[in-house]
Amino acid sequence: MKTIFSRDDNRKRELEPQWTCQGPGSILMERYHHIDASEQDKYGFYDYYYEYDMYYFTEGTLSLIARCYTDDADRADFMGIEFDGYDRALEPDDRSLPLVSAALAQLKADGKTKFFTFTGKGYEPIFADNEHEGGTMRGARIEASASTRRDAEDGC
């Protein structure tokens, strides 16, 4: 099975993004829709079926990935943050980084209100709403240049 969690150019050959846009500064944001499912049986049922969006946020050598399952529409799981080849779980202090702030703003604009980070212990809550006083409210959008947008009706 191919992985789409790769932060390199290989993911671009596997899937086309639903949208790509330029966030604030030099931040690039992409969303990919993915379905991971078994073959259907003779009755049309699946052994497993997962449908989700992968968000990639990049600023120079800093990158952040979030996965959002379609059956839990208000939840976003941060898969990790990477800087110059070194990756780790997202931490509460990371919210001060412009890349993380832009990611949170976009995810909130897409209806996400619960945020989790993947650690060695599984998924743990991070960035409770009260930590974002004065932040972007649900429904707000990050401004994007029309020349960088692939889909004017969806995304940034």
Protein backbone atom coordinates (compact mmCIF):
# COMPACT_ATOMS: atom_id res chain seq x y z
CA MET A 1 0.00 0.00 0.00
CA LYS A 2 1.29 3.47 -0.85
CA THR A 3 1.60 6.00 1.91
CA ILE A 4 0.42 9.57 1.45
CA PHE A 5 2.06 10.81 4.64
CA SER A 6 5.29 11.40 2.75
CA ARG A 7 6.31 15.04 2.94
CA ASP A 8 8.29 14.89 -0.29
CA ASP A 9 7.32 15.25 -3.94
CA ASN A 10 6.25 11.57 -4.22
CA ARG A 11 2.78 12.41 -2.86
CA LYS A 12 2.23 14.78 -5.77
CA ARG A 13 2.59 11.88 -8.20
CA GLU A 14 0.08 9.74 -6.29
CA LEU A 15 -2.77 12.21 -5.81
CA GLU A 16 -3.83 15.58 -7.15
CA PRO A 17 -4.79 18.17 -4.52
CA GLN A 18 -8.41 19.28 -4.18
CA TRP A 19 -7.01 22.77 -3.75
CA THR A 20 -3.72 24.56 -3.39
CA CYS A 21 -3.34 28.13 -2.24
CA GLN A 22 -0.84 30.59 -0.95
CA GLY A 23 -1.45 31.48 2.67
CA PRO A 24 0.04 34.44 4.52
CA GLY A 25 3.70 35.10 3.73
CA SER A 26 5.33 32.13 2.03
CA ILE A 27 2.98 29.48 3.47
CA LEU A 28 1.69 26.95 0.93
CA MET A 29 -1.49 25.05 1.80
CA GLU A 30 -2.80 21.93 0.05
CA ARG A 31 -5.71 19.58 0.69
CA TYR A 32 -5.92 16.06 -0.73
CA HIS A 33 -9.04 13.88 -0.54
CA HIS A 34 -8.36 10.18 -0.01
CA ILE A 35 -10.40 6.98 0.27
CA ASP A 36 -8.73 3.89 1.68
CA ALA A 37 -11.08 0.92 1.23
CA SER A 38 -11.08 -2.80 0.68
CA GLU A 39 -12.67 -4.32 -2.40
CA GLN A 40 -16.44 -4.55 -2.22
CA ASP A 41 -17.87 -7.99 -1.61
CA LYS A 42 -20.65 -9.46 -3.75
CA TYR A 43 -23.23 -7.56 -1.65
CA GLY A 44 -21.49 -4.21 -2.08
CA PHE A 45 -20.02 -4.09 1.45
CA TYR A 46 -16.44 -3.25 2.42
CA ASP A 47 -14.23 -4.94 5.02
CA TYR A 48 -12.92 -1.45 5.76
CA TYR A 49 -13.62 2.03 4.41
CA TYR A 50 -11.85 5.23 5.48
CA GLU A 51 -12.48 8.57 3.81
CA TYR A 52 -10.47 11.61 4.83
CA ASP A 53 -8.76 14.82 3.77
CA MET A 54 -5.03 15.37 4.24
CA TYR A 55 -3.92 18.96 4.75
CA TYR A 56 -0.30 19.89 4.06
CA PHE A 57 1.01 23.24 5.28
CA THR A 58 4.55 24.24 4.26
CA GLU A 59 6.75 27.26 4.89
CA GLY A 60 10.32 26.81 3.68
CA THR A 61 11.71 23.71 5.43
CA LEU A 62 8.94 23.69 8.05
CA SER A 63 5.90 21.50 7.33
CA LEU A 64 2.77 20.38 9.14
CA ILE A 65 0.27 17.66 8.26
CA ALA A 66 -3.32 17.23 9.48
CA ARG A 67 -5.76 14.42 8.70
CA CYS A 68 -9.53 14.93 8.93
CA TYR A 69 -11.91 11.99 8.60
CA THR A 70 -15.18 12.81 6.85
CA ASP A 71 -17.24 10.95 9.46
CA ASP A 72 -15.91 13.23 12.25
CA ALA A 73 -16.33 16.58 10.50
CA ASP A 74 -15.27 18.85 13.37
CA ARG A 75 -12.02 17.02 14.25
CA ALA A 76 -8.49 17.49 12.90
CA ASP A 77 -5.57 15.21 13.79
CA PHE A 78 -2.11 16.74 13.44
CA MET A 79 0.23 13.99 12.28
CA GLY A 80 3.40 15.87 13.16
CA ILE A 81 5.54 18.88 12.46
CA GLU A 82 8.81 18.67 10.55
CA PHE A 83 11.70 21.09 10.37
CA ASP A 84 14.57 20.44 7.97
CA GLY A 85 14.12 16.64 8.07
CA TYR A 86 13.48 16.35 11.83
CA ASP A 87 9.91 15.55 12.85
CA ARG A 88 8.02 15.34 16.13
CA ALA A 89 4.55 15.59 17.61
CA LEU A 90 2.97 19.02 17.69
CA GLU A 91 3.22 20.76 21.09
CA PRO A 92 1.03 23.51 22.63
CA ASP A 93 3.83 26.11 22.34
CA ASP A 94 3.91 25.55 18.57
CA ARG A 95 0.73 27.61 18.20
CA SER A 96 2.94 30.73 18.22
CA LEU A 97 4.51 29.65 14.90
CA PRO A 98 3.00 31.45 11.87
CA LEU A 99 2.66 28.10 10.05
CA VAL A 100 0.65 26.57 12.89
CA SER A 101 -1.49 29.72 13.22
CA ALA A 102 -2.27 29.61 9.48
CA ALA A 103 -3.07 25.88 9.68
CA LEU A 104 -5.44 26.42 12.61
CA ALA A 105 -7.13 29.33 10.83
CA GLN A 106 -7.70 27.27 7.67
CA LEU A 107 -8.90 24.20 9.58
CA LYS A 108 -11.30 26.35 11.62
CA ALA A 109 -12.55 27.94 8.41
CA ASP A 110 -13.25 24.41 7.17
CA GLY A 111 -15.35 23.72 10.29
CA LYS A 112 -12.81 22.01 12.55
CA THR A 113 -13.22 22.78 16.24
CA LYS A 114 -11.43 19.85 17.94
CA PHE A 115 -7.68 19.40 17.47
CA PHE A 116 -5.52 16.42 18.37
CA THR A 117 -1.84 15.59 17.95
CA PHE A 118 -0.41 12.15 17.26
CA THR A 119 2.12 11.13 19.93
CA GLY A 120 3.76 7.88 20.99
CA LYS A 121 0.70 7.36 23.23
CA GLY A 122 -1.86 7.81 20.44
CA TYR A 123 -3.94 10.93 19.81
CA GLU A 124 -4.03 13.59 22.51
CA PRO A 125 -6.08 16.82 22.59
CA ILE A 126 -4.21 20.01 21.76
CA PHE A 127 -5.15 23.68 21.24
CA ALA A 128 -8.38 23.93 23.23
CA ASP A 129 -10.62 26.78 22.01
CA ASN A 130 -9.74 29.05 24.94
CA GLU A 131 -6.10 29.00 23.82
CA HIS A 132 -7.07 30.86 20.65
CA GLU A 133 -8.66 34.00 22.03
CA GLY A 134 -8.59 36.60 19.30
CA GLY A 135 -7.88 33.95 16.66
CA THR A 136 -9.77 33.26 13.48
CA MET A 137 -13.41 32.39 14.05
CA ARG A 138 -15.27 29.57 12.33
CA GLY A 139 -16.22 30.60 8.82
CA ALA A 140 -13.32 33.01 8.37
CA ARG A 141 -10.98 32.42 5.44
CA ILE A 142 -7.32 33.02 4.88
CA GLU A 143 -6.89 35.44 1.99
CA ALA A 144 -5.33 33.82 -1.05
CA SER A 145 -4.05 35.15 -4.31
CA ALA A 146 -6.35 34.21 -7.19
CA SER A 147 -3.34 33.16 -9.25
CA THR A 148 -2.47 30.39 -6.77
CA ARG A 149 -5.98 28.97 -6.37
CA ARG A 150 -6.91 25.80 -8.22
CA ASP A 151 -10.56 25.77 -7.23
CA ALA A 152 -12.33 29.06 -6.59
CA GLU A 153 -15.29 27.44 -4.84
CA ASP A 154 -13.43 25.25 -2.35
CA GLY A 155 -10.49 25.77 -0.07
CA CYS A 156 -8.63 28.89 0.95
